């Protein structure tokens, strides 16, 4: 799973940028 640090940090709060981290 390649997710930006933002996604890893906000794991409990999935941000729109994290959902589209492809």
PDB file of N, CA and C in Angstrom:
ATOM      1  N   UNK A   1       0.847  -1.212   0.000  1.00  0.00           N
ATOM      2  CA  UNK A   1       0.000   0.000   0.000  1.00  0.00           C
ATOM      3  C   UNK A   1       0.868   1.242   0.000  1.00  0.00           C
ATOM      4  N   UNK A   2       0.813   1.998  -1.068  1.00  0.00           N
ATOM      5  CA  UNK A   2       1.644   3.227  -1.135  1.00  0.00           C
ATOM      6  C   UNK A   2       0.799   4.433  -0.729  1.00  0.00           C
ATOM      7  N   UNK A   3       0.909   4.867   0.501  1.00  0.00           N
ATOM      8  CA  UNK A   3       0.115   6.031   0.941  1.00  0.00           C
ATOM      9  C   UNK A   3       1.044   7.125   1.454  1.00  0.00           C
ATOM     10  N   UNK A   4       0.740   8.369   1.141  1.00  0.00           N
ATOM     11  CA  UNK A   4       1.547   9.513   1.594  1.00  0.00           C
ATOM     12  C   UNK A   4       1.573   9.617   3.114  1.00  0.00           C
ATOM     13  N   UNK A   5       2.580  10.268   3.653  1.00  0.00           N
ATOM     14  CA  UNK A   5       2.675  10.411   5.117  1.00  0.00           C
ATOM     15  C   UNK A   5       1.384  11.008   5.669  1.00  0.00           C
ATOM     16  N   UNK A   6       0.752  11.857   4.894  1.00  0.00           N
ATOM     17  CA  UNK A   6      -0.509  12.460   5.358  1.00  0.00           C
ATOM     18  C   UNK A   6      -1.527  11.363   5.670  1.00  0.00           C
ATOM     19  N   UNK A   7      -1.581  10.379   4.809  1.00  0.00           N
ATOM     20  CA  UNK A   7      -2.544   9.285   4.997  1.00  0.00           C
ATOM     21  C   UNK A   7      -2.149   8.459   6.219  1.00  0.00           C
ATOM     22  N   UNK A   8      -0.875   8.155   6.335  1.00  0.00           N
ATOM     23  CA  UNK A   8      -0.408   7.357   7.471  1.00  0.00           C
ATOM     24  C   UNK A   8      -0.698   8.078   8.784  1.00  0.00           C
ATOM     25  N   UNK A   9      -0.506   9.367   8.764  1.00  0.00           N
ATOM     26  CA  UNK A   9      -0.697  10.156  10.002  1.00  0.00           C
ATOM     27  C   UNK A   9      -2.193  10.250  10.315  1.00  0.00           C
ATOM     28  N   UNK A  10      -2.997  10.428   9.278  1.00  0.00           N
ATOM     29  CA  UNK A  10      -4.451  10.554   9.527  1.00  0.00           C
ATOM     30  C   UNK A  10      -5.142   9.247   9.181  1.00  0.00           C
ATOM     31  N   UNK A  11      -4.615   8.167   9.696  1.00  0.00           N
ATOM     32  CA  UNK A  11      -5.194   6.841   9.383  1.00  0.00           C
ATOM     33  C   UNK A  11      -6.640   6.794   9.885  1.00  0.00           C
ATOM     34  N   UNK A  12      -6.902   7.342  11.033  1.00  0.00           N
ATOM     35  CA  UNK A  12      -8.271   7.300  11.581  1.00  0.00           C
ATOM     36  C   UNK A  12      -9.168   8.263  10.787  1.00  0.00           C
ATOM     37  N   UNK A  13      -8.551   9.288  10.197  1.00  0.00           N
ATOM     38  CA  UNK A  13      -9.365  10.260   9.424  1.00  0.00           C
ATOM     39  C   UNK A  13      -8.903  10.273   7.981  1.00  0.00           C
ATOM     40  N   UNK A  14      -9.388   9.390   7.161  1.00  0.00           N
ATOM     41  CA  UNK A  14      -8.994   9.330   5.743  1.00  0.00           C
ATOM     42  C   UNK A  14      -9.331  10.620   5.006  1.00  0.00           C
ATOM     43  N   UNK A  15      -8.303  11.316   4.564  1.00  0.00           N
ATOM     44  CA  UNK A  15      -8.539  12.576   3.861  1.00  0.00           C
ATOM     45  C   UNK A  15      -8.697  12.299   2.367  1.00  0.00           C
ATOM     46  N   UNK A  16      -9.369  13.190   1.644  1.00  0.00           N
ATOM     47  CA  UNK A  16      -9.592  13.030   0.200  1.00  0.00           C
ATOM     48  C   UNK A  16      -8.278  12.774  -0.542  1.00  0.00           C
ATOM     49  N   UNK A  17      -7.207  13.402  -0.093  1.00  0.00           N
ATOM     50  CA  UNK A  17      -5.908  13.224  -0.763  1.00  0.00           C
ATOM     51  C   UNK A  17      -5.403  11.803  -0.519  1.00  0.00           C
ATOM     52  N   UNK A  18      -5.714  11.273   0.611  1.00  0.00           N
ATOM     53  CA  UNK A  18      -5.240   9.923   0.953  1.00  0.00           C
ATOM     54  C   UNK A  18      -5.991   8.896   0.104  1.00  0.00           C
ATOM     55  N   UNK A  19      -7.285   9.106  -0.044  1.00  0.00           N
ATOM     56  CA  UNK A  19      -8.091   8.160  -0.832  1.00  0.00           C
ATOM     57  C   UNK A  19      -7.566   8.114  -2.266  1.00  0.00           C
ATOM     58  N   UNK A  20      -7.098   9.261  -2.767  1.00  0.00           N
ATOM     59  CA  UNK A  20      -6.578   9.315  -4.153  1.00  0.00           C
ATOM     60  C   UNK A  20      -5.062   9.363  -4.106  1.00  0.00           C
ATOM     61  N   UNK A  21      -4.452   8.455  -3.414  1.00  0.00           N
ATOM     62  CA  UNK A  21      -2.986   8.452  -3.295  1.00  0.00           C
ATOM     63  C   UNK A  21      -2.375   7.483  -4.290  1.00  0.00           C
ATOM     64  N   UNK A  22      -3.171   7.051  -5.239  1.00  0.00           N
ATOM     65  CA  UNK A  22      -2.632   6.115  -6.238  1.00  0.00           C
ATOM     66  C   UNK A  22      -1.510   6.819  -6.956  1.00  0.00           C
TER      67      UNK A  22
END
